[in-house]
Each structure stands twice: as structure tokens, then as C-alpha cells.
Amino acid sequence: MVLIPGAGGQAWVWHLVETDLRRRGYDAFAVDLPAADESKGLPAYADAVVSAIRDRAVRDRAAGDRTGGGQAPVTIAAYSLGAFTAPLVWQRVPARQVIFVNAMIPRPGETPGAWWDNVGWEQARTTAARRNGYSPDFDLDTYFLHDIPADLREQMLGGDVPQSPGPFGDKCLFGGWPGIPRHVIAGRDDRFFPVELQQRVARERLGVEPDVVPGGHLAALSRPAELAAALARYL
């Protein structure tokens, strides 16, 4: 299973889930994306993921795993902005299924920059804030870090990588959804992408009902065991 990060492009955001999945016997690996480089956009992000998948396949062949006689299909799990990279990956490598996690599920030809208005994100975010009693004024603590353990907050903020605008004008070029299973996992406590928004977008764009798990937008850090268990059910 390849784990694609969101904005900032740091594989580290998946590290607890990755460890949990490996403990369960799955070959899970997260990929760093060149998010800080303004010259890099969605094609370069896809290049990084495809390269990691192919390197893994070469390593497995060298270790004597020749199952299927070629590159085995991979499960793609894409978090947040990483959802815009996923379609560019499954067009280039064999994919078993795709799983979106608190994700910006794209439409063919959509740009990440247009997604927010297209799905009504701002209204959904502020409506959820007023209903649930937290500030509609955006800040990092309220919308991203509210359920992250203190030690992980410090690590995250200490190694934070700014997301360049590089990919936001790139069209996500794919002809349609592939004929493989598609799943959505939504964080029950996500304040950045409220669960009601994620449910609507998943129904409208994929025709699927999300599985809801505990945790906010960074559930991979705040509730990694629950998220890993949800991912493992698909495996």
C-alpha cells in the first residue's frame, strides 16, 4: 500500500499508520512529495509516487518475491490534497484499489485551486464551526492541531514544510474513475473538511458512502490505530 501525503508533502504524517500496518503484515510505505518547490506540481508529485512504487517492486524482485511475474497491483491511499495525485498514479502503475482519507476528491480536469469553491468548502467549514461551538475564524490550532498529542504537535511544527502554490493550478487529467474499488474514509472530528462535506462530495463524485472514523483532519497522527484498522479492512 502506497500512502500519499497531503499539503506539505511529508511522508512523516503517515508514520504511525505505516508502522501499524506493517505490524499487521502489510507492506505499507509513505512517499515524500516535492511540495516546497514552486516549480513542481501534480505531474512531479505523481512522478515521486510512481518512482517509489517501482523501486519497491524492484526491491521485492531482488528479495525473491516474484508473485504474478511482474509488478503486483498496489493499493493507493491518498490523504487530503494527495487525492489530486492519485489519479495520475493509477494511470501509470497497476492499482488494486484507491482509498481517499479526509480527501479533496477531484473531478476529471479539475484543479486543486478550484476544488474549494466547487464543493462549497468555506460555507461547510463555517457552518460546522458555528454548529459545534468552535471559532469559524481559521487558525492552525483550531482546525488542524486540536486533537494531536503534544509531543506530535511539537514534532510536526518543528519539521513543517510549507506547501508551494505549484500544484494548485494544475488540472487533474484523467478520463474517469477506474474499474477498481474506490473507498472513502472521513474523520468524524475533522474541522477542516467537516464530515458532512466529505460525505456529500463522496456521494456526488464517487457514488460511495464514506466510512467514518474518530479523529480530525490529521487522524493519521491523532487516531492512527483507528485509521490503520479502517485501512486494513480493505486489505
C-alpha atoms as a PDB file:
ATOM      1  CA  MET A   1       0.000   0.000   0.000  1.00  0.00           C
ATOM      2  CA  VAL A   2       1.417   3.375  -1.014  1.00  0.00           C
ATOM      3  CA  LEU A   3       0.488   6.258   1.298  1.00  0.00           C
ATOM      4  CA  ILE A   4       0.321   9.693  -0.364  1.00  0.00           C
ATOM      5  CA  PRO A   5       0.530  12.718   1.964  1.00  0.00           C
ATOM      6  CA  GLY A   6      -1.405  15.952   1.695  1.00  0.00           C
ATOM      7  CA  ALA A   7      -0.251  19.570   1.669  1.00  0.00           C
ATOM      8  CA  GLY A   8       3.374  19.886   2.716  1.00  0.00           C
ATOM      9  CA  GLY A   9       4.117  16.532   1.116  1.00  0.00           C
ATOM     10  CA  GLN A  10       5.695  14.913   4.169  1.00  0.00           C
ATOM     11  CA  ALA A  11       5.614  11.138   4.379  1.00  0.00           C
ATOM     12  CA  TRP A  12       6.071  11.632   8.147  1.00  0.00           C
ATOM     13  CA  VAL A  13       2.379  12.419   8.564  1.00  0.00           C
ATOM     14  CA  TRP A  14       1.696   8.732   7.843  1.00  0.00           C
ATOM     15  CA  HIS A  15       4.463   7.265  10.019  1.00  0.00           C
ATOM     16  CA  LEU A  16       2.280   5.916  12.825  1.00  0.00           C
ATOM     17  CA  VAL A  17      -0.233   4.380  10.434  1.00  0.00           C
ATOM     18  CA  GLU A  18       2.593   2.968   8.336  1.00  0.00           C
ATOM     19  CA  THR A  19       4.103   1.288  11.421  1.00  0.00           C
ATOM     20  CA  ASP A  20       0.736  -0.113  12.469  1.00  0.00           C
ATOM     21  CA  LEU A  21       0.001  -1.553   9.021  1.00  0.00           C
ATOM     22  CA  ARG A  22       3.435  -3.145   8.823  1.00  0.00           C
ATOM     23  CA  ARG A  23       2.866  -4.704  12.236  1.00  0.00           C
ATOM     24  CA  ARG A  24      -0.304  -6.222  10.773  1.00  0.00           C
ATOM     25  CA  GLY A  25       1.771  -7.742   7.966  1.00  0.00           C
ATOM     26  CA  TYR A  26       1.110  -5.260   5.155  1.00  0.00           C
ATOM     27  CA  ASP A  27       3.814  -3.656   3.030  1.00  0.00           C
ATOM     28  CA  ALA A  28       2.807  -0.038   3.619  1.00  0.00           C
ATOM     29  CA  PHE A  29       5.116   2.800   2.597  1.00  0.00           C
ATOM     30  CA  ALA A  30       4.662   6.562   2.546  1.00  0.00           C
ATOM     31  CA  VAL A  31       6.204   8.893  -0.035  1.00  0.00           C
ATOM     32  CA  ASP A  32       7.690  12.379   0.319  1.00  0.00           C
ATOM     33  CA  LEU A  33       6.499  14.873  -2.309  1.00  0.00           C
ATOM     34  CA  PRO A  34       8.432  17.958  -3.551  1.00  0.00           C
ATOM     35  CA  ALA A  35       5.839  20.260  -2.008  1.00  0.00           C
ATOM     36  CA  ALA A  36       8.200  23.113  -1.117  1.00  0.00           C
ATOM     37  CA  ASP A  37       9.392  23.505  -4.731  1.00  0.00           C
ATOM     38  CA  GLU A  38       7.288  26.120  -6.541  1.00  0.00           C
ATOM     39  CA  SER A  39       8.368  24.709  -9.905  1.00  0.00           C
ATOM     40  CA  LYS A  40       6.822  21.309  -9.101  1.00  0.00           C
ATOM     41  CA  GLY A  41       3.158  20.452  -9.495  1.00  0.00           C
ATOM     42  CA  LEU A  42       0.895  17.427  -9.823  1.00  0.00           C
ATOM     43  CA  PRO A  43       2.970  15.680 -12.550  1.00  0.00           C
ATOM     44  CA  ALA A  44       6.108  15.856 -10.370  1.00  0.00           C
ATOM     45  CA  TYR A  45       4.151  14.626  -7.344  1.00  0.00           C
ATOM     46  CA  ALA A  46       2.930  11.662  -9.382  1.00  0.00           C
ATOM     47  CA  ASP A  47       6.488  11.015 -10.578  1.00  0.00           C
ATOM     48  CA  ALA A  48       7.642  10.754  -6.967  1.00  0.00           C
ATOM     49  CA  VAL A  49       4.910   8.256  -6.079  1.00  0.00           C
ATOM     50  CA  VAL A  50       5.340   6.144  -9.214  1.00  0.00           C
ATOM     51  CA  SER A  51       9.112   6.051  -8.676  1.00  0.00           C
ATOM     52  CA  ALA A  52       8.623   4.854  -5.091  1.00  0.00           C
ATOM     53  CA  ILE A  53       6.218   2.115  -6.213  1.00  0.00           C
ATOM     54  CA  ARG A  54       8.579   0.905  -8.932  1.00  0.00           C
ATOM     55  CA  ASP A  55      11.560   0.988  -6.586  1.00  0.00           C
ATOM     56  CA  ARG A  56       9.563  -1.148  -4.159  1.00  0.00           C
ATOM     57  CA  ALA A  57       8.770  -3.626  -6.915  1.00  0.00           C
ATOM     58  CA  VAL A  58      12.452  -3.865  -7.860  1.00  0.00           C
ATOM     59  CA  ARG A  59      13.373  -4.425  -4.230  1.00  0.00           C
ATOM     60  CA  ASP A  60      10.773  -7.165  -3.889  1.00  0.00           C
ATOM     61  CA  ARG A  61      12.022  -8.917  -7.025  1.00  0.00           C
ATOM     62  CA  ALA A  62      15.567  -8.735  -5.726  1.00  0.00           C
ATOM     63  CA  ALA A  63      14.354 -10.307  -2.487  1.00  0.00           C
ATOM     64  CA  GLY A  64      12.876 -13.194  -4.438  1.00  0.00           C
ATOM     65  CA  ASP A  65       9.194 -12.221  -4.413  1.00  0.00           C
ATOM     66  CA  ARG A  66       8.131 -12.911  -7.990  1.00  0.00           C
ATOM     67  CA  THR A  67       4.413 -13.193  -7.341  1.00  0.00           C
ATOM     68  CA  GLY A  68       2.441 -12.667 -10.522  1.00  0.00           C
ATOM     69  CA  GLY A  69       5.518 -12.472 -12.733  1.00  0.00           C
ATOM     70  CA  GLY A  70       5.604  -8.670 -12.718  1.00  0.00           C
ATOM     71  CA  GLN A  71       4.682  -5.614 -10.698  1.00  0.00           C
ATOM     72  CA  ALA A  72       1.832  -6.545  -8.395  1.00  0.00           C
ATOM     73  CA  PRO A  73      -1.136  -4.158  -8.205  1.00  0.00           C
ATOM     74  CA  VAL A  74      -0.785  -1.645  -5.391  1.00  0.00           C
ATOM     75  CA  THR A  75      -3.398  -0.122  -3.114  1.00  0.00           C
ATOM     76  CA  ILE A  76      -3.273   3.671  -3.255  1.00  0.00           C
ATOM     77  CA  ALA A  77      -4.243   5.609  -0.116  1.00  0.00           C
ATOM     78  CA  ALA A  78      -4.363   9.379  -0.631  1.00  0.00           C
ATOM     79  CA  TYR A  79      -4.765  11.935   2.128  1.00  0.00           C
ATOM     80  CA  SER A  80      -6.230  15.449   1.686  1.00  0.00           C
ATOM     81  CA  LEU A  81      -4.507  17.229  -1.253  1.00  0.00           C
ATOM     82  CA  GLY A  82      -2.890  13.893  -2.146  1.00  0.00           C
ATOM     83  CA  ALA A  83      -6.194  12.896  -3.726  1.00  0.00           C
ATOM     84  CA  PHE A  84      -5.267  15.031  -6.739  1.00  0.00           C
ATOM     85  CA  THR A  85      -2.091  12.989  -7.229  1.00  0.00           C
ATOM     86  CA  ALA A  86      -3.797   9.601  -7.008  1.00  0.00           C
ATOM     87  CA  PRO A  87      -5.434   9.604 -10.491  1.00  0.00           C
ATOM     88  CA  LEU A  88      -2.102  10.433 -12.125  1.00  0.00           C
ATOM     89  CA  VAL A  89      -0.571   7.454 -10.352  1.00  0.00           C
ATOM     90  CA  TRP A  90      -3.161   4.784 -11.153  1.00  0.00           C
ATOM     91  CA  GLN A  91      -2.829   5.613 -14.846  1.00  0.00           C
ATOM     92  CA  ARG A  92       0.846   4.601 -14.731  1.00  0.00           C
ATOM     93  CA  VAL A  93       1.026   1.616 -12.382  1.00  0.00           C
ATOM     94  CA  PRO A  94      -1.261  -1.372 -11.780  1.00  0.00           C
ATOM     95  CA  ALA A  95      -3.664  -0.444  -8.969  1.00  0.00           C
ATOM     96  CA  ARG A  96      -5.747  -2.785  -6.849  1.00  0.00           C
ATOM     97  CA  GLN A  97      -7.938  -0.108  -5.262  1.00  0.00           C
ATOM     98  CA  VAL A  98      -7.862   3.530  -4.178  1.00  0.00           C
ATOM     99  CA  ILE A  99      -8.727   4.856  -0.728  1.00  0.00           C
ATOM    100  CA  PHE A 100      -9.300   8.555  -0.058  1.00  0.00           C
ATOM    101  CA  VAL A 101      -8.706   9.799   3.503  1.00  0.00           C
ATOM    102  CA  ASN A 102     -10.074  13.222   4.532  1.00  0.00           C
ATOM    103  CA  ALA A 103      -9.537  13.938   0.893  1.00  0.00           C
ATOM    104  CA  MET A 104     -10.027  16.550  -1.823  1.00  0.00           C
ATOM    105  CA  ILE A 105     -11.698  14.083  -4.178  1.00  0.00           C
ATOM    106  CA  PRO A 106     -11.220  15.538  -7.672  1.00  0.00           C
ATOM    107  CA  ARG A 107     -13.329  15.563 -10.792  1.00  0.00           C
ATOM    108  CA  PRO A 108     -11.601  14.892 -14.129  1.00  0.00           C
ATOM    109  CA  GLY A 109      -9.900  18.090 -15.296  1.00  0.00           C
ATOM    110  CA  GLU A 110     -10.415  19.955 -12.009  1.00  0.00           C
ATOM    111  CA  THR A 111      -7.595  21.924 -10.384  1.00  0.00           C
ATOM    112  CA  PRO A 112      -6.890  21.848  -6.642  1.00  0.00           C
ATOM    113  CA  GLY A 113      -7.325  25.623  -6.647  1.00  0.00           C
ATOM    114  CA  ALA A 114     -10.879  25.359  -7.989  1.00  0.00           C
ATOM    115  CA  TRP A 115     -11.919  22.487  -5.731  1.00  0.00           C
ATOM    116  CA  TRP A 116     -12.698  24.652  -2.699  1.00  0.00           C
ATOM    117  CA  ASP A 117     -15.385  26.752  -4.364  1.00  0.00           C
ATOM    118  CA  ASN A 118     -16.657  23.844  -6.433  1.00  0.00           C
ATOM    119  CA  VAL A 119     -17.549  21.825  -3.316  1.00  0.00           C
ATOM    120  CA  GLY A 120     -18.678  24.787  -1.169  1.00  0.00           C
ATOM    121  CA  TRP A 121     -15.871  24.300   1.354  1.00  0.00           C
ATOM    122  CA  GLU A 122     -15.985  27.698   3.070  1.00  0.00           C
ATOM    123  CA  GLN A 123     -19.681  27.561   3.827  1.00  0.00           C
ATOM    124  CA  ALA A 124     -19.427  23.951   5.011  1.00  0.00           C
ATOM    125  CA  ARG A 125     -16.477  24.784   7.266  1.00  0.00           C
ATOM    126  CA  THR A 126     -18.037  27.838   8.921  1.00  0.00           C
ATOM    127  CA  THR A 127     -21.455  26.204   9.283  1.00  0.00           C
ATOM    128  CA  ALA A 128     -19.881  23.249  11.089  1.00  0.00           C
ATOM    129  CA  ALA A 129     -17.861  25.595  13.311  1.00  0.00           C
ATOM    130  CA  ARG A 130     -20.930  27.511  14.478  1.00  0.00           C
ATOM    131  CA  ARG A 131     -22.938  24.345  14.990  1.00  0.00           C
ATOM    132  CA  ASN A 132     -20.200  22.635  17.008  1.00  0.00           C
ATOM    133  CA  GLY A 133     -19.077  25.633  19.074  1.00  0.00           C
ATOM    134  CA  TYR A 134     -15.594  26.470  17.824  1.00  0.00           C
ATOM    135  CA  SER A 135     -14.396  29.577  16.015  1.00  0.00           C
ATOM    136  CA  PRO A 136     -15.200  29.979  12.308  1.00  0.00           C
ATOM    137  CA  ASP A 137     -12.042  32.111  12.042  1.00  0.00           C
ATOM    138  CA  PHE A 138      -9.373  29.844  10.629  1.00  0.00           C
ATOM    139  CA  ASP A 139      -6.243  29.088  12.636  1.00  0.00           C
ATOM    140  CA  LEU A 140      -3.904  26.121  12.757  1.00  0.00           C
ATOM    141  CA  ASP A 141      -4.663  25.076  16.331  1.00  0.00           C
ATOM    142  CA  THR A 142      -8.425  25.040  15.880  1.00  0.00           C
ATOM    143  CA  TYR A 143      -8.566  23.304  12.524  1.00  0.00           C
ATOM    144  CA  PHE A 144      -5.536  21.014  12.411  1.00  0.00           C
ATOM    145  CA  LEU A 145      -3.947  20.516  15.820  1.00  0.00           C
ATOM    146  CA  HIS A 146      -6.941  20.387  18.156  1.00  0.00           C
ATOM    147  CA  ASP A 147      -6.708  16.627  18.750  1.00  0.00           C
ATOM    148  CA  ILE A 148      -2.989  15.992  18.174  1.00  0.00           C
ATOM    149  CA  PRO A 149      -0.923  14.810  21.200  1.00  0.00           C
ATOM    150  CA  ALA A 150       1.507  17.463  22.448  1.00  0.00           C
ATOM    151  CA  ASP A 151       4.673  15.564  21.522  1.00  0.00           C
ATOM    152  CA  LEU A 152       3.495  15.040  17.962  1.00  0.00           C
ATOM    153  CA  ARG A 153       2.435  18.669  17.707  1.00  0.00           C
ATOM    154  CA  GLU A 154       5.979  19.733  18.546  1.00  0.00           C
ATOM    155  CA  GLN A 155       7.488  17.328  16.023  1.00  0.00           C
ATOM    156  CA  MET A 156       5.080  18.413  13.339  1.00  0.00           C
ATOM    157  CA  LEU A 157       5.585  22.128  13.863  1.00  0.00           C
ATOM    158  CA  GLY A 158       9.349  21.686  14.178  1.00  0.00           C
ATOM    159  CA  GLY A 159       9.615  19.991  10.805  1.00  0.00           C
ATOM    160  CA  ASP A 160       6.751  21.681   8.990  1.00  0.00           C
ATOM    161  CA  VAL A 161       7.263  22.194   5.260  1.00  0.00           C
ATOM    162  CA  PRO A 162       5.297  24.994   3.567  1.00  0.00           C
ATOM    163  CA  GLN A 163       3.135  23.946   0.653  1.00  0.00           C
ATOM    164  CA  SER A 164       4.059  25.812  -2.521  1.00  0.00           C
ATOM    165  CA  PRO A 165       1.314  27.007  -4.895  1.00  0.00           C
ATOM    166  CA  GLY A 166       2.858  24.768  -7.579  1.00  0.00           C
ATOM    167  CA  PRO A 167       0.069  22.171  -7.939  1.00  0.00           C
ATOM    168  CA  PHE A 168      -2.990  24.350  -7.374  1.00  0.00           C
ATOM    169  CA  GLY A 169      -3.329  25.469 -10.970  1.00  0.00           C
ATOM    170  CA  ASP A 170      -2.660  22.022 -12.454  1.00  0.00           C
ATOM    171  CA  LYS A 171      -5.576  20.153 -13.964  1.00  0.00           C
ATOM    172  CA  CYS A 172      -6.025  16.633 -12.664  1.00  0.00           C
ATOM    173  CA  LEU A 173      -6.083  14.908 -16.026  1.00  0.00           C
ATOM    174  CA  PHE A 174      -7.877  11.585 -16.046  1.00  0.00           C
ATOM    175  CA  GLY A 175     -10.736  10.319 -18.169  1.00  0.00           C
ATOM    176  CA  GLY A 176     -12.833   8.846 -15.385  1.00  0.00           C
ATOM    177  CA  TRP A 177     -12.752   6.597 -12.365  1.00  0.00           C
ATOM    178  CA  PRO A 178     -11.010   3.267 -12.910  1.00  0.00           C
ATOM    179  CA  GLY A 179     -12.819  -0.036 -12.713  1.00  0.00           C
ATOM    180  CA  ILE A 180     -11.308  -0.862  -9.327  1.00  0.00           C
ATOM    181  CA  PRO A 181     -12.804  -0.482  -5.849  1.00  0.00           C
ATOM    182  CA  ARG A 182     -12.925   3.079  -4.536  1.00  0.00           C
ATOM    183  CA  HIS A 183     -13.301   3.839  -0.838  1.00  0.00           C
ATOM    184  CA  VAL A 184     -13.512   6.970   1.298  1.00  0.00           C
ATOM    185  CA  ILE A 185     -12.576   7.373   4.951  1.00  0.00           C
ATOM    186  CA  ALA A 186     -13.739  10.533   6.702  1.00  0.00           C
ATOM    187  CA  GLY A 187     -12.663  11.800  10.122  1.00  0.00           C
ATOM    188  CA  ARG A 188     -15.646  12.247  12.400  1.00  0.00           C
ATOM    189  CA  ASP A 189     -13.958  15.195  14.121  1.00  0.00           C
ATOM    190  CA  ASP A 190     -12.418  16.830  11.032  1.00  0.00           C
ATOM    191  CA  ARG A 191     -12.902  20.578  11.310  1.00  0.00           C
ATOM    192  CA  PHE A 192     -11.056  21.482   8.117  1.00  0.00           C
ATOM    193  CA  PHE A 193     -13.146  19.182   5.925  1.00  0.00           C
ATOM    194  CA  PRO A 194     -16.270  18.631   8.056  1.00  0.00           C
ATOM    195  CA  VAL A 195     -17.611  15.100   7.839  1.00  0.00           C
ATOM    196  CA  GLU A 196     -20.870  16.279   6.271  1.00  0.00           C
ATOM    197  CA  LEU A 197     -18.901  17.894   3.450  1.00  0.00           C
ATOM    198  CA  GLN A 198     -16.863  14.750   2.894  1.00  0.00           C
ATOM    199  CA  GLN A 199     -19.976  12.604   2.839  1.00  0.00           C
ATOM    200  CA  ARG A 200     -21.663  14.827   0.250  1.00  0.00           C
ATOM    201  CA  VAL A 201     -18.611  15.029  -2.001  1.00  0.00           C
ATOM    202  CA  ALA A 202     -18.063  11.258  -1.846  1.00  0.00           C
ATOM    203  CA  ARG A 203     -21.671  10.592  -2.772  1.00  0.00           C
ATOM    204  CA  GLU A 204     -21.749  13.157  -5.567  1.00  0.00           C
ATOM    205  CA  ARG A 205     -18.370  12.383  -7.096  1.00  0.00           C
ATOM    206  CA  LEU A 206     -17.875   8.679  -6.423  1.00  0.00           C
ATOM    207  CA  GLY A 207     -21.297   7.365  -5.544  1.00  0.00           C
ATOM    208  CA  VAL A 208     -19.938   5.843  -2.339  1.00  0.00           C
ATOM    209  CA  GLU A 209     -20.677   6.266   1.335  1.00  0.00           C
ATOM    210  CA  PRO A 210     -17.616   7.118   3.444  1.00  0.00           C
ATOM    211  CA  ASP A 211     -16.536   5.066   6.413  1.00  0.00           C
ATOM    212  CA  VAL A 212     -16.386   7.439   9.373  1.00  0.00           C
ATOM    213  CA  VAL A 213     -13.569   7.014  11.892  1.00  0.00           C
ATOM    214  CA  PRO A 214     -12.628   9.002  15.007  1.00  0.00           C
ATOM    215  CA  GLY A 215     -10.166  11.847  14.567  1.00  0.00           C
ATOM    216  CA  GLY A 216      -9.721  15.244  12.997  1.00  0.00           C
ATOM    217  CA  HIS A 217      -8.119  16.213   9.715  1.00  0.00           C
ATOM    218  CA  LEU A 218      -4.803  14.733  10.859  1.00  0.00           C
ATOM    219  CA  ALA A 219      -6.339  11.466  12.037  1.00  0.00           C
ATOM    220  CA  ALA A 220      -3.143   9.715  10.923  1.00  0.00           C
ATOM    221  CA  LEU A 221      -1.481  11.406  13.904  1.00  0.00           C
ATOM    222  CA  SER A 222      -4.340  11.776  16.388  1.00  0.00           C
ATOM    223  CA  ARG A 223      -6.034   8.368  15.908  1.00  0.00           C
ATOM    224  CA  PRO A 224      -3.544   6.233  13.963  1.00  0.00           C
ATOM    225  CA  ALA A 225      -4.723   2.883  15.313  1.00  0.00           C
ATOM    226  CA  GLU A 226      -8.304   3.518  14.269  1.00  0.00           C
ATOM    227  CA  LEU A 227      -7.266   4.778  10.851  1.00  0.00           C
ATOM    228  CA  ALA A 228      -4.909   1.842  10.295  1.00  0.00           C
ATOM    229  CA  ALA A 229      -7.680  -0.561  11.267  1.00  0.00           C
ATOM    230  CA  ALA A 230     -10.032   1.073   8.764  1.00  0.00           C
ATOM    231  CA  LEU A 231      -7.417   0.814   6.006  1.00  0.00           C
ATOM    232  CA  ALA A 232      -6.635  -2.797   6.914  1.00  0.00           C
ATOM    233  CA  ARG A 233     -10.281  -3.770   6.461  1.00  0.00           C
ATOM    234  CA  TYR A 234      -9.903  -3.008   2.760  1.00  0.00           C
ATOM    235  CA  LEU A 235      -6.713  -5.059   2.555  1.00  0.00           C
END
